[in-house]
Amino acid sequence: MKYADEFRDKEIALGLAKAIRAEADPQKLYRFMEFCGGHTHAISRYGLEDMLPKTVRMIHGPGCPVCVLPGGRIDMAIRLAERPDVILCVYGDLMRVPGSQGASLLKAKARGADIRMVYSTIDAIRIAEDNPGREVVFFAIGFETTTPPTAVMIRLAEKKQLENFTVFCNHVLTPPAMQNILESPDIRNIGRVEIDGFVGPAHVSTIIGTAPYEFFAEEFGKPVVIAGFEPLDMMQAILMLVRQVNEDRHEVENQYSRAVNRDGNLRAKEEVSDIFELRDQFEWRGLGQVPYSGLKLKRAYAIYDAEVRFDMHELPVDDNPACECGAILRGVKKPVDCKLFGAVCTPETPMGSCMVSSEGACAAHWTYGRFRDHQQRRVS
């Protein structure tokens, strides 16, 4: 496959691994967080950690929008969907995310709530057009990558004069979460994680560009390398980070130059800024309340805001105390450190959001068998 196979060449991967082993100081520990769930899956799928020296450690970050959604927002959506006049439109990976007391949108649908899985924002618009007597709510979720389609959807609803359409907005921003991890490493109930550099997200960076990460390099002295999702992308990004640490540099470098530039997608950013504004704070599973990390509709578009139309209020929810999802999202623990992982928590019976989402760290470790060696070592 052109433009994919070229980035999966075994010999080049081995060459990059050899370069990393040669340049990594055996007396130094290199701790790099890959923020994006897509990178976590690439690492697990291609066994990249097995190619790295023991001194280079990859830390899984909170880069999965479904995983970081707190249970309270799920409970809010369930209450909304249980209204007889509401049709709730959601993406499929949200259906099994746990709310409080084991509740989920899938279980609410089984009880009779009209919850419909959609593949795009256009699907939700069509459902609203086909059901003029019902209130159609789109459960909007995602990082900067999926926010522009939601903005375009609201523009389309305005153009079509849809009075029965609203958005339950759960879009969040990547840079504030990265800043939260660096500024608040000590969490009483979770622990501390040391990070020497970031593998920056790929899809997010196609929208926002590389410029927003310059703050981290300058303020916190942490190198950031934006990387693509293929194995050679990841290996090259890790080598670039190793070199920055060795040279005591902390810059933003762009490995994914075939898709990312410094300024990002100007048209997409303009659409988002026209429709949305920052919330003062927004709760992330595993990170708690993160200031200025969430988006909401501007007052000019309040008629399309479900939280305004239905007078929705935040519902605080405590996570399952046995589930280590919060610590995993923060990078303090790995999936295999959770006692539920692979026992009562599997993709068929997920106890936490990290196992539900296809981008979750627990799902990646399970799907690609990264837990088996750990289990064998534990038994022996």
Protein backbone atom coordinates (compact mmCIF):
# COMPACT_ATOMS: atom_id res chain seq x y z
CA MET A 1 0.00 0.00 0.00
CA LYS A 2 1.62 3.23 -1.12
CA TYR A 3 2.43 5.71 1.65
CA ALA A 4 1.87 3.04 4.34
CA ASP A 5 4.21 0.17 3.54
CA GLU A 6 7.06 2.65 3.21
CA PHE A 7 6.65 3.46 6.90
CA ARG A 8 6.57 -0.19 7.99
CA ASP A 9 9.88 -1.34 6.55
CA LYS A 10 11.43 -3.88 8.92
CA GLU A 11 15.05 -3.16 8.02
CA ILE A 12 14.66 0.58 8.51
CA ALA A 13 12.92 -0.05 11.85
CA LEU A 14 15.82 -2.24 12.98
CA GLY A 15 18.23 0.46 11.86
CA LEU A 16 16.42 3.08 13.92
CA ALA A 17 16.34 0.75 16.92
CA LYS A 18 20.10 0.22 16.56
CA ALA A 19 20.61 4.00 16.46
CA ILE A 20 18.51 4.48 19.60
CA ARG A 21 20.49 1.80 21.46
CA ALA A 22 23.75 3.36 20.32
CA GLU A 23 22.83 6.91 21.32
CA ALA A 24 20.89 6.25 24.54
CA ASP A 25 23.18 6.70 27.54
CA PRO A 26 23.06 3.42 29.54
CA GLN A 27 23.49 5.44 32.75
CA LYS A 28 20.49 7.67 32.00
CA LEU A 29 16.75 6.98 32.10
CA TYR A 30 14.64 8.35 29.24
CA ARG A 31 10.93 8.66 30.05
CA PHE A 32 8.75 9.71 27.13
CA MET A 33 4.97 10.06 27.18
CA GLU A 34 3.05 9.34 24.01
CA PHE A 35 -0.02 11.48 24.57
CA CYS A 36 -2.17 10.02 21.79
CA GLY A 37 -4.03 6.72 22.05
CA GLY A 38 -3.20 6.04 18.41
CA HIS A 39 0.48 6.07 19.31
CA THR A 40 -0.15 3.70 22.20
CA HIS A 41 -1.78 1.26 19.79
CA ALA A 42 1.09 1.58 17.32
CA ILE A 43 3.60 0.79 20.09
CA SER A 44 1.63 -2.29 21.17
CA ARG A 45 0.69 -3.49 17.69
CA TYR A 46 4.23 -3.42 16.31
CA GLY A 47 6.01 -4.40 19.54
CA LEU A 48 8.12 -1.26 19.50
CA GLU A 49 8.92 -1.38 23.21
CA ASP A 50 10.69 -4.69 22.63
CA MET A 51 13.06 -2.92 20.23
CA LEU A 52 14.03 -0.20 22.70
CA PRO A 53 16.77 -0.38 25.33
CA LYS A 54 15.55 -0.79 28.90
CA THR A 55 16.61 2.77 29.67
CA VAL A 56 14.02 4.15 27.23
CA ARG A 57 10.54 3.89 28.71
CA MET A 58 7.28 4.80 27.02
CA ILE A 59 4.53 6.20 29.25
CA HIS A 60 0.93 6.03 28.08
CA GLY A 61 -0.87 9.37 28.27
CA PRO A 62 -4.53 10.49 28.39
CA GLY A 63 -4.86 10.88 24.61
CA CYS A 64 -8.20 9.13 24.22
CA PRO A 65 -11.24 11.46 24.37
CA VAL A 66 -13.62 8.63 25.25
CA CYS A 67 -11.32 7.44 28.03
CA VAL A 68 -10.99 10.83 29.70
CA LEU A 69 -14.71 11.59 29.70
CA PRO A 70 -15.83 11.51 33.35
CA GLY A 71 -18.68 9.32 34.45
CA GLY A 72 -20.78 12.33 35.39
CA ARG A 73 -21.04 13.42 31.75
CA ILE A 74 -22.25 9.92 30.85
CA ASP A 75 -24.90 10.14 33.57
CA MET A 76 -26.00 13.51 32.20
CA ALA A 77 -26.41 11.99 28.74
CA ILE A 78 -28.36 9.03 30.12
CA ARG A 79 -30.79 11.32 31.94
CA LEU A 80 -31.25 13.30 28.76
CA ALA A 81 -31.82 10.18 26.64
CA GLU A 82 -34.46 8.91 29.06
CA ARG A 83 -36.70 11.84 28.21
CA PRO A 84 -39.47 10.59 25.90
CA ASP A 85 -39.11 13.56 23.56
CA VAL A 86 -35.35 13.10 22.99
CA ILE A 87 -33.34 11.16 20.41
CA LEU A 88 -29.69 11.00 21.48
CA CYS A 89 -27.14 10.50 18.68
CA VAL A 90 -23.76 9.10 19.71
CA TYR A 91 -20.65 7.50 18.26
CA GLY A 92 -20.48 3.77 18.88
CA ASP A 93 -17.47 3.77 21.21
CA LEU A 94 -19.43 5.82 23.76
CA MET A 95 -22.15 3.22 24.23
CA ARG A 96 -20.37 1.12 26.86
CA VAL A 97 -18.44 3.81 28.75
CA PRO A 98 -19.34 3.38 32.42
CA GLY A 99 -21.21 6.03 34.33
CA SER A 100 -22.23 5.67 37.97
CA GLN A 101 -23.20 2.29 39.46
CA GLY A 102 -22.44 0.43 36.25
CA ALA A 103 -24.79 2.53 34.13
CA SER A 104 -24.08 3.05 30.43
CA LEU A 105 -25.78 4.37 27.32
CA LEU A 106 -26.07 0.80 26.03
CA LYS A 107 -27.99 -0.27 29.11
CA ALA A 108 -30.18 2.84 28.86
CA LYS A 109 -30.95 1.94 25.24
CA ALA A 110 -31.89 -1.58 26.33
CA ARG A 111 -34.35 -0.05 28.80
CA GLY A 112 -36.05 1.84 25.98
CA ALA A 113 -34.18 5.13 25.61
CA ASP A 114 -33.98 6.27 21.98
CA ILE A 115 -30.20 6.29 21.53
CA ARG A 116 -28.91 5.98 17.98
CA MET A 117 -25.35 5.27 16.88
CA VAL A 118 -24.13 7.52 14.07
CA TYR A 119 -21.02 7.53 11.91
CA SER A 120 -20.84 11.26 11.25
CA THR A 121 -22.31 14.60 12.23
CA ILE A 122 -24.34 14.58 9.00
CA ASP A 123 -26.21 11.49 10.25
CA ALA A 124 -27.43 13.46 13.27
CA ILE A 125 -28.61 16.31 11.06
CA ARG A 126 -30.59 13.88 8.90
CA ILE A 127 -32.21 12.30 11.94
CA ALA A 128 -33.31 15.76 13.10
CA GLU A 129 -34.79 16.48 9.67
CA ASP A 130 -36.63 13.15 9.65
CA ASN A 131 -38.06 13.65 13.17
CA PRO A 132 -39.37 17.23 13.38
CA GLY A 133 -41.54 16.36 16.38
CA ARG A 134 -38.63 15.10 18.50
CA GLU A 135 -35.63 16.80 20.12
CA VAL A 136 -32.46 15.43 18.54
CA VAL A 137 -29.25 15.82 20.57
CA PHE A 138 -25.79 15.04 19.24
CA PHE A 139 -23.28 13.84 21.86
CA ALA A 140 -20.21 15.75 20.64
CA ILE A 141 -16.89 14.43 21.89
CA GLY A 142 -13.25 14.52 20.89
CA PHE A 143 -10.06 16.55 20.84
CA GLU A 144 -9.26 19.31 18.35
CA THR A 145 -9.50 16.82 15.48
CA THR A 146 -13.26 16.26 15.73
CA THR A 147 -14.26 19.74 16.86
CA PRO A 148 -14.33 21.34 13.36
CA PRO A 149 -16.94 18.83 12.06
CA THR A 150 -19.16 19.73 15.03
CA ALA A 151 -18.77 23.42 14.20
CA VAL A 152 -19.71 22.76 10.58
CA MET A 153 -22.71 20.74 11.76
CA ILE A 154 -23.97 23.68 13.81
CA ARG A 155 -23.55 25.96 10.79
CA LEU A 156 -25.60 23.50 8.75
CA ALA A 157 -28.31 23.28 11.40
CA GLU A 158 -28.51 27.07 11.38
CA LYS A 159 -28.72 27.16 7.58
CA LYS A 160 -31.49 24.54 7.59
CA GLN A 161 -33.24 26.35 10.47
CA LEU A 162 -33.52 23.19 12.52
CA GLU A 163 -35.31 24.08 15.72
CA ASN A 164 -35.23 20.55 17.15
CA PHE A 165 -31.47 20.06 17.07
CA THR A 166 -28.90 20.64 19.85
CA VAL A 167 -25.38 19.56 20.79
CA PHE A 168 -24.21 18.13 24.11
CA CYS A 169 -20.65 19.47 23.87
CA ASN A 170 -17.78 17.47 25.39
CA HIS A 171 -14.93 18.65 23.19
CA VAL A 172 -11.63 19.06 25.04
CA LEU A 173 -8.21 20.52 24.25
CA THR A 174 -4.84 18.76 24.26
CA PRO A 175 -2.36 21.49 25.41
CA PRO A 176 -4.12 22.24 28.74
CA ALA A 177 -4.06 18.53 29.61
CA MET A 178 -0.34 18.33 28.87
CA GLN A 179 0.22 21.38 31.03
CA ASN A 180 -1.85 19.84 33.83
CA ILE A 181 0.33 16.72 33.80
CA LEU A 182 3.49 18.80 34.03
CA GLU A 183 2.28 21.32 36.60
CA SER A 184 0.46 18.92 38.90
CA PRO A 185 2.48 15.71 38.97
CA ASP A 186 1.66 14.94 42.59
CA ILE A 187 -1.78 13.48 43.11
CA ARG A 188 -2.54 12.19 46.58
CA ASN A 189 -4.47 9.13 45.47
CA ILE A 190 -2.67 8.42 42.19
CA GLY A 191 1.01 9.20 42.51
CA ARG A 192 3.75 10.92 40.61
CA VAL A 193 5.03 10.46 37.06
CA GLU A 194 8.33 11.79 35.74
CA ILE A 195 8.42 12.80 32.07
CA ASP A 196 11.48 13.78 30.04
CA GLY A 197 9.68 14.49 26.76
CA PHE A 198 6.48 14.08 24.76
CA VAL A 199 5.58 12.32 21.54
CA GLY A 200 3.06 14.91 20.35
CA PRO A 201 -0.30 13.85 18.87
CA ALA A 202 -0.59 13.52 15.11
CA HIS A 203 -4.22 14.14 14.12
CA VAL A 204 -4.63 16.92 16.68
CA SER A 205 -1.53 18.65 15.34
CA THR A 206 -2.86 18.65 11.78
CA ILE A 207 -5.50 21.05 13.13
CA ILE A 208 -3.64 23.17 15.69
CA GLY A 209 -0.12 22.91 14.23
CA THR A 210 3.11 22.70 16.21
CA ALA A 211 3.11 26.26 17.62
CA PRO A 212 0.97 25.53 20.74
CA TYR A 213 3.60 23.08 22.02
CA GLU A 214 6.37 25.67 22.02
CA PHE A 215 5.15 26.82 25.42
CA PHE A 216 5.99 23.43 26.98
CA ALA A 217 9.44 23.36 25.48
CA GLU A 218 10.21 26.86 26.76
CA GLU A 219 8.36 26.95 30.09
CA PHE A 220 8.94 23.38 31.30
CA GLY A 221 12.09 22.47 29.42
CA LYS A 222 10.44 19.40 27.88
CA PRO A 223 11.13 18.40 24.27
CA VAL A 224 8.13 17.62 22.08
CA VAL A 225 8.29 15.66 18.82
CA ILE A 226 5.12 15.48 16.73
CA ALA A 227 4.93 11.99 15.22
CA GLY A 228 2.80 10.02 12.77
CA PHE A 229 1.17 6.70 13.61
CA GLU A 230 3.29 4.27 11.63
CA PRO A 231 6.07 2.28 13.36
CA LEU A 232 8.86 4.15 11.58
CA ASP A 233 7.25 7.44 12.61
CA MET A 234 7.34 6.38 16.24
CA MET A 235 10.88 5.01 16.14
CA GLN A 236 12.21 8.14 14.46
CA ALA A 237 10.38 10.36 16.97
CA ILE A 238 11.88 8.42 19.89
CA LEU A 239 15.36 8.80 18.37
CA MET A 240 14.76 12.53 17.99
CA LEU A 241 13.72 12.78 21.65
CA VAL A 242 16.77 10.81 22.80
CA ARG A 243 19.01 13.19 20.88
CA GLN A 244 17.31 16.25 22.39
CA VAL A 245 17.74 14.90 25.92
CA ASN A 246 21.39 14.02 25.24
CA GLU A 247 22.07 17.49 23.89
CA ASP A 248 20.11 19.18 26.69
CA ARG A 249 17.76 20.70 24.16
CA HIS A 250 14.04 21.25 24.64
CA GLU A 251 12.49 22.15 21.32
CA VAL A 252 9.41 21.31 19.29
CA GLU A 253 10.36 19.11 16.36
CA ASN A 254 8.03 17.90 13.64
CA GLN A 255 8.63 14.33 12.51
CA TYR A 256 5.18 14.24 10.87
CA SER A 257 6.02 16.97 8.38
CA ARG A 258 4.07 15.24 5.60
CA ALA A 259 0.83 16.23 7.35
CA VAL A 260 1.63 18.85 10.00
CA ASN A 261 2.96 22.40 9.82
CA ARG A 262 3.52 25.11 12.41
CA ASP A 263 0.22 26.95 11.93
CA GLY A 264 -2.13 24.01 11.41
CA ASN A 265 -5.40 24.17 9.51
CA LEU A 266 -6.32 27.86 9.58
CA ARG A 267 -9.82 27.35 8.13
CA ALA A 268 -10.68 24.69 10.68
CA LYS A 269 -9.39 26.81 13.56
CA GLU A 270 -11.42 29.78 12.34
CA GLU A 271 -14.62 27.73 12.24
CA VAL A 272 -14.03 26.46 15.78
CA SER A 273 -13.27 29.93 17.18
CA ASP A 274 -16.43 31.32 15.61
CA ILE A 275 -18.69 28.71 17.24
CA PHE A 276 -17.02 27.75 20.52
CA GLU A 277 -15.44 29.38 23.53
CA LEU A 278 -13.47 28.07 26.50
CA ARG A 279 -15.06 26.75 29.66
CA ASP A 280 -13.46 27.96 32.87
CA GLN A 281 -12.76 24.33 33.72
CA PHE A 282 -13.71 20.85 32.61
CA GLU A 283 -13.33 17.53 34.38
CA TRP A 284 -11.08 14.85 32.87
CA ARG A 285 -11.15 11.29 34.11
CA GLY A 286 -7.79 10.76 35.78
CA LEU A 287 -6.80 14.43 35.76
CA GLY A 288 -9.67 16.02 37.65
CA GLN A 289 -10.73 19.59 36.89
CA VAL A 290 -8.45 21.06 34.20
CA PRO A 291 -8.76 24.85 33.71
CA TYR A 292 -9.63 26.10 30.24
CA SER A 293 -9.51 22.61 28.75
CA GLY A 294 -13.09 22.26 27.50
CA LEU A 295 -15.23 24.01 24.92
CA LYS A 296 -18.82 25.19 24.97
CA LEU A 297 -21.02 26.92 22.42
CA LYS A 298 -20.90 30.70 22.36
CA ARG A 299 -23.93 32.63 23.50
CA ALA A 300 -24.81 33.45 19.90
CA TYR A 301 -25.35 29.72 19.31
CA ALA A 302 -27.01 28.92 22.64
CA ILE A 303 -30.16 27.70 20.86
CA TYR A 304 -28.09 24.71 19.73
CA ASP A 305 -26.65 24.03 23.21
CA ALA A 306 -28.34 21.04 24.88
CA GLU A 307 -27.04 22.06 28.30
CA VAL A 308 -28.90 25.37 27.94
CA ARG A 309 -32.09 24.05 26.34
CA PHE A 310 -32.57 21.21 28.82
CA ASP A 311 -31.09 22.99 31.86
CA MET A 312 -28.49 20.26 32.35
CA HIS A 313 -26.28 20.33 35.43
CA GLU A 314 -22.97 18.68 36.24
CA LEU A 315 -23.27 15.34 38.04
CA PRO A 316 -20.21 14.41 40.12
CA VAL A 317 -19.54 10.67 39.98
CA ASP A 318 -16.94 8.60 41.81
CA ASP A 319 -15.10 6.07 39.65
CA ASN A 320 -14.94 2.39 40.51
CA PRO A 321 -12.34 2.35 43.34
CA ALA A 322 -10.91 -0.96 42.11
CA CYS A 323 -10.31 0.41 38.59
CA GLU A 324 -6.93 2.01 37.93
CA CYS A 325 -8.13 3.89 34.85
CA GLY A 326 -7.34 7.29 36.37
CA ALA A 327 -3.75 6.36 37.16
CA ILE A 328 -3.32 4.74 33.74
CA LEU A 329 -4.59 7.85 31.96
CA ARG A 330 -2.12 9.96 33.90
CA GLY A 331 0.76 7.64 33.02
CA VAL A 332 1.46 6.65 36.62
CA LYS A 333 0.52 3.00 36.02
CA LYS A 334 0.35 0.58 33.12
CA PRO A 335 -2.76 -1.51 32.35
CA VAL A 336 -1.08 -4.64 33.75
CA ASP A 337 -0.76 -2.88 37.13
CA CYS A 338 -4.53 -2.95 37.55
CA LYS A 339 -5.86 -5.99 39.42
CA LEU A 340 -9.02 -5.98 37.29
CA PHE A 341 -7.17 -6.09 33.96
CA GLY A 342 -7.64 -9.38 32.14
CA ALA A 343 -9.63 -10.82 35.06
CA VAL A 344 -13.04 -9.19 35.44
CA CYS A 345 -12.11 -6.35 33.06
CA THR A 346 -11.95 -7.42 29.40
CA PRO A 347 -13.32 -5.91 26.18
CA GLU A 348 -16.46 -8.02 26.69
CA THR A 349 -16.90 -6.86 30.30
CA PRO A 350 -15.13 -3.49 30.62
CA MET A 351 -14.91 -2.00 34.09
CA GLY A 352 -13.30 1.26 32.95
CA SER A 353 -13.21 3.53 29.94
CA CYS A 354 -9.60 2.57 29.06
CA MET A 355 -10.86 -0.88 28.09
CA VAL A 356 -13.98 0.39 26.30
CA SER A 357 -12.51 2.70 23.71
CA SER A 358 -10.60 1.34 20.74
CA GLU A 359 -7.93 3.98 21.52
CA GLY A 360 -7.65 3.09 25.20
CA ALA A 361 -4.37 1.85 26.67
CA CYS A 362 -6.02 -1.20 28.26
CA ALA A 363 -7.70 -2.11 24.97
CA ALA A 364 -4.34 -1.83 23.19
CA HIS A 365 -2.57 -4.07 25.69
CA TRP A 366 -5.37 -6.63 25.49
CA THR A 367 -5.79 -6.57 21.71
CA TYR A 368 -2.10 -7.06 20.96
CA GLY A 369 -1.32 -9.39 23.85
CA ARG A 370 1.11 -7.06 25.60
CA PHE A 371 -0.07 -8.39 28.97
CA ARG A 372 0.84 -12.05 28.46
CA ASP A 373 4.56 -11.76 29.21
CA HIS A 374 3.72 -9.82 32.34
CA GLN A 375 1.25 -12.49 33.47
CA GLN A 376 3.81 -15.24 32.87
CA ARG A 377 6.44 -13.39 34.88
CA ARG A 378 3.95 -12.88 37.69
CA VAL A 379 3.03 -16.59 37.77
CA SER A 380 6.66 -17.72 37.69
